[in-house]
Amino acid sequence: MSFLSICGLVLAVLLFLLLIRRFSPELAPPLSLCLTVLLTLAALAAAVPLLSYLQELELGKFDTYLPYLMKSVGISLISSTASDLCRDCGESSVAAKLEMLGKCEIVVLSLPLLRELLTLAEELMRLS
């Protein structure tokens, strides 16, 4: 399915969602949740060729960093989607804390890389 057809479908569902909110407001949040989940799955499906390409590349030493990068992107996408859902439900405070948690997870994930970078800097300082 092309990007333009997905955008058209989303606009149609959003118009339908506006009608439902007017006549039956209790059905709007589940429909919005379904739309968000489907769009997230579509985004993940669109990213599969990129992930395949990155895995096929021979990056040498940088191959060890690729899993960290992929996990960071995944954490970012999941926390962003979940916080958007929280905002849609009127919980902006929960959304902000969820985004903060995602950022903290990415920092924790990058600690081994930071350790390696500091070790490399220390070795370079000894050589000079």
C-alpha atoms as a PDB file:
ATOM      1  CA  MET A   1       0.000   0.000   0.000  1.00  0.00           C
ATOM      2  CA  SER A   2       1.463   3.369  -1.008  1.00  0.00           C
ATOM      3  CA  PHE A   3       2.027   6.269   1.318  1.00  0.00           C
ATOM      4  CA  LEU A   4      -0.588   8.403  -0.426  1.00  0.00           C
ATOM      5  CA  SER A   5      -3.251   5.729  -0.105  1.00  0.00           C
ATOM      6  CA  ILE A   6      -2.428   5.333   3.595  1.00  0.00           C
ATOM      7  CA  CYS A   7      -2.764   9.110   4.062  1.00  0.00           C
ATOM      8  CA  GLY A   8      -6.119   9.070   2.267  1.00  0.00           C
ATOM      9  CA  LEU A   9      -7.323   6.205   4.417  1.00  0.00           C
ATOM     10  CA  VAL A  10      -6.206   8.003   7.581  1.00  0.00           C
ATOM     11  CA  LEU A  11      -8.057  11.155   6.558  1.00  0.00           C
ATOM     12  CA  ALA A  12     -11.206   9.126   5.897  1.00  0.00           C
ATOM     13  CA  VAL A  13     -10.950   7.428   9.294  1.00  0.00           C
ATOM     14  CA  LEU A  14     -10.353  10.802  10.966  1.00  0.00           C
ATOM     15  CA  LEU A  15     -13.503  12.211   9.383  1.00  0.00           C
ATOM     16  CA  PHE A  16     -15.373   9.156  10.594  1.00  0.00           C
ATOM     17  CA  LEU A  17     -13.836   9.676  14.029  1.00  0.00           C
ATOM     18  CA  LEU A  18     -15.094  13.269  14.107  1.00  0.00           C
ATOM     19  CA  LEU A  19     -18.611  12.037  13.369  1.00  0.00           C
ATOM     20  CA  ILE A  20     -18.406   9.363  16.049  1.00  0.00           C
ATOM     21  CA  ARG A  21     -17.141  11.885  18.633  1.00  0.00           C
ATOM     22  CA  ARG A  22     -20.191  13.995  17.978  1.00  0.00           C
ATOM     23  CA  PHE A  23     -22.809  11.239  18.258  1.00  0.00           C
ATOM     24  CA  SER A  24     -21.132   8.595  20.408  1.00  0.00           C
ATOM     25  CA  PRO A  25     -18.097  10.011  22.261  1.00  0.00           C
ATOM     26  CA  GLU A  26     -17.375   6.809  24.197  1.00  0.00           C
ATOM     27  CA  LEU A  27     -16.444   4.991  20.964  1.00  0.00           C
ATOM     28  CA  ALA A  28     -13.890   7.586  19.843  1.00  0.00           C
ATOM     29  CA  PRO A  29     -10.911   6.593  22.071  1.00  0.00           C
ATOM     30  CA  PRO A  30     -10.916   2.901  21.046  1.00  0.00           C
ATOM     31  CA  LEU A  31     -11.138   3.866  17.375  1.00  0.00           C
ATOM     32  CA  SER A  32      -8.307   6.350  17.796  1.00  0.00           C
ATOM     33  CA  LEU A  33      -6.249   3.675  19.554  1.00  0.00           C
ATOM     34  CA  CYS A  34      -6.851   1.204  16.717  1.00  0.00           C
ATOM     35  CA  LEU A  35      -5.829   3.802  14.141  1.00  0.00           C
ATOM     36  CA  THR A  36      -2.647   4.604  16.052  1.00  0.00           C
ATOM     37  CA  VAL A  37      -1.710   0.948  16.396  1.00  0.00           C
ATOM     38  CA  LEU A  38      -2.338   0.314  12.693  1.00  0.00           C
ATOM     39  CA  LEU A  39      -0.227   3.316  11.696  1.00  0.00           C
ATOM     40  CA  THR A  40       2.587   2.170  13.985  1.00  0.00           C
ATOM     41  CA  LEU A  41       2.486  -1.285  12.403  1.00  0.00           C
ATOM     42  CA  ALA A  42       2.535   0.315   8.941  1.00  0.00           C
ATOM     43  CA  ALA A  43       5.577   2.385   9.938  1.00  0.00           C
ATOM     44  CA  LEU A  44       7.359  -0.730  11.209  1.00  0.00           C
ATOM     45  CA  ALA A  45       6.528  -2.583   7.999  1.00  0.00           C
ATOM     46  CA  ALA A  46       7.897   0.330   5.978  1.00  0.00           C
ATOM     47  CA  ALA A  47      11.141   0.220   7.989  1.00  0.00           C
ATOM     48  CA  VAL A  48      11.832  -3.470   7.249  1.00  0.00           C
ATOM     49  CA  PRO A  49      13.737  -2.803   3.981  1.00  0.00           C
ATOM     50  CA  LEU A  50      15.922  -0.234   5.735  1.00  0.00           C
ATOM     51  CA  LEU A  51      16.717  -2.657   8.542  1.00  0.00           C
ATOM     52  CA  SER A  52      17.557  -5.382   6.029  1.00  0.00           C
ATOM     53  CA  TYR A  53      19.845  -3.027   4.159  1.00  0.00           C
ATOM     54  CA  LEU A  54      21.648  -1.933   7.325  1.00  0.00           C
ATOM     55  CA  GLN A  55      22.207  -5.551   8.337  1.00  0.00           C
ATOM     56  CA  GLU A  56      23.652  -6.379   4.903  1.00  0.00           C
ATOM     57  CA  LEU A  57      26.180  -3.560   5.081  1.00  0.00           C
ATOM     58  CA  GLU A  58      29.619  -4.533   6.232  1.00  0.00           C
ATOM     59  CA  LEU A  59      30.418  -1.760   8.638  1.00  0.00           C
ATOM     60  CA  GLY A  60      33.415  -3.388  10.285  1.00  0.00           C
ATOM     61  CA  LYS A  61      33.832  -2.120  13.838  1.00  0.00           C
ATOM     62  CA  PHE A  62      30.587  -0.153  13.592  1.00  0.00           C
ATOM     63  CA  ASP A  63      28.640  -3.420  13.320  1.00  0.00           C
ATOM     64  CA  THR A  64      28.726  -3.632  17.109  1.00  0.00           C
ATOM     65  CA  TYR A  65      26.940  -0.273  17.379  1.00  0.00           C
ATOM     66  CA  LEU A  66      24.058  -1.131  15.044  1.00  0.00           C
ATOM     67  CA  PRO A  67      21.990  -3.053  17.653  1.00  0.00           C
ATOM     68  CA  TYR A  68      22.258  -0.091  20.037  1.00  0.00           C
ATOM     69  CA  LEU A  69      21.076   2.242  17.309  1.00  0.00           C
ATOM     70  CA  MET A  70      18.149   0.001  16.364  1.00  0.00           C
ATOM     71  CA  LYS A  71      17.069  -0.425  19.989  1.00  0.00           C
ATOM     72  CA  SER A  72      17.258   3.335  20.519  1.00  0.00           C
ATOM     73  CA  VAL A  73      15.099   3.992  17.476  1.00  0.00           C
ATOM     74  CA  GLY A  74      12.611   1.367  18.669  1.00  0.00           C
ATOM     75  CA  ILE A  75      12.436   2.852  22.163  1.00  0.00           C
ATOM     76  CA  SER A  76      11.948   6.293  20.658  1.00  0.00           C
ATOM     77  CA  LEU A  77       9.118   5.162  18.369  1.00  0.00           C
ATOM     78  CA  ILE A  78       7.333   3.215  21.090  1.00  0.00           C
ATOM     79  CA  SER A  79       7.572   5.974  23.694  1.00  0.00           C
ATOM     80  CA  SER A  80       6.473   8.597  21.183  1.00  0.00           C
ATOM     81  CA  THR A  81       3.463   6.547  20.079  1.00  0.00           C
ATOM     82  CA  ALA A  82       2.472   5.693  23.644  1.00  0.00           C
ATOM     83  CA  SER A  83       2.785   9.317  24.760  1.00  0.00           C
ATOM     84  CA  ASP A  84       0.665  10.449  21.807  1.00  0.00           C
ATOM     85  CA  LEU A  85      -1.998   7.982  22.893  1.00  0.00           C
ATOM     86  CA  CYS A  86      -1.840   9.375  26.430  1.00  0.00           C
ATOM     87  CA  ARG A  87      -2.270  12.909  25.086  1.00  0.00           C
ATOM     88  CA  ASP A  88      -5.247  11.778  22.999  1.00  0.00           C
ATOM     89  CA  CYS A  89      -6.833  10.474  26.189  1.00  0.00           C
ATOM     90  CA  GLY A  90      -6.223  13.820  27.909  1.00  0.00           C
ATOM     91  CA  GLU A  91      -3.335  12.635  30.078  1.00  0.00           C
ATOM     92  CA  SER A  92      -0.576  15.069  29.087  1.00  0.00           C
ATOM     93  CA  SER A  93       1.258  14.648  32.394  1.00  0.00           C
ATOM     94  CA  VAL A  94       1.481  10.878  31.919  1.00  0.00           C
ATOM     95  CA  ALA A  95       2.614  11.453  28.322  1.00  0.00           C
ATOM     96  CA  ALA A  96       5.448  13.723  29.448  1.00  0.00           C
ATOM     97  CA  LYS A  97       6.631  11.197  32.040  1.00  0.00           C
ATOM     98  CA  LEU A  98       6.486   8.408  29.471  1.00  0.00           C
ATOM     99  CA  GLU A  99       8.658  10.418  27.091  1.00  0.00           C
ATOM    100  CA  MET A 100      11.095  11.104  29.944  1.00  0.00           C
ATOM    101  CA  LEU A 101      11.240   7.376  30.702  1.00  0.00           C
ATOM    102  CA  GLY A 102      11.985   6.624  27.040  1.00  0.00           C
ATOM    103  CA  LYS A 103      14.840   9.145  27.045  1.00  0.00           C
ATOM    104  CA  CYS A 104      16.246   7.630  30.233  1.00  0.00           C
ATOM    105  CA  GLU A 105      16.090   4.153  28.690  1.00  0.00           C
ATOM    106  CA  ILE A 106      18.051   5.391  25.673  1.00  0.00           C
ATOM    107  CA  VAL A 107      20.700   6.930  27.950  1.00  0.00           C
ATOM    108  CA  VAL A 108      20.990   3.672  29.929  1.00  0.00           C
ATOM    109  CA  LEU A 109      21.240   1.743  26.664  1.00  0.00           C
ATOM    110  CA  SER A 110      24.096   3.983  25.525  1.00  0.00           C
ATOM    111  CA  LEU A 111      26.185   3.588  28.708  1.00  0.00           C
ATOM    112  CA  PRO A 112      28.349   0.743  27.301  1.00  0.00           C
ATOM    113  CA  LEU A 113      29.107   2.921  24.275  1.00  0.00           C
ATOM    114  CA  LEU A 114      30.016   5.828  26.529  1.00  0.00           C
ATOM    115  CA  ARG A 115      32.342   3.575  28.523  1.00  0.00           C
ATOM    116  CA  GLU A 116      34.051   2.451  25.320  1.00  0.00           C
ATOM    117  CA  LEU A 117      34.379   6.048  24.125  1.00  0.00           C
ATOM    118  CA  LEU A 118      35.944   7.131  27.420  1.00  0.00           C
ATOM    119  CA  THR A 119      38.377   4.205  27.277  1.00  0.00           C
ATOM    120  CA  LEU A 120      39.367   5.206  23.760  1.00  0.00           C
ATOM    121  CA  ALA A 121      39.868   8.827  24.839  1.00  0.00           C
ATOM    122  CA  GLU A 122      42.035   7.667  27.740  1.00  0.00           C
ATOM    123  CA  GLU A 123      44.196   5.568  25.382  1.00  0.00           C
ATOM    124  CA  LEU A 124      44.596   8.518  23.017  1.00  0.00           C
ATOM    125  CA  MET A 125      45.685  10.755  25.900  1.00  0.00           C
ATOM    126  CA  ARG A 126      48.337   8.210  26.928  1.00  0.00           C
ATOM    127  CA  LEU A 127      49.749   8.134  23.383  1.00  0.00           C
ATOM    128  CA  SER A 128      50.263  11.884  23.227  1.00  0.00           C
END
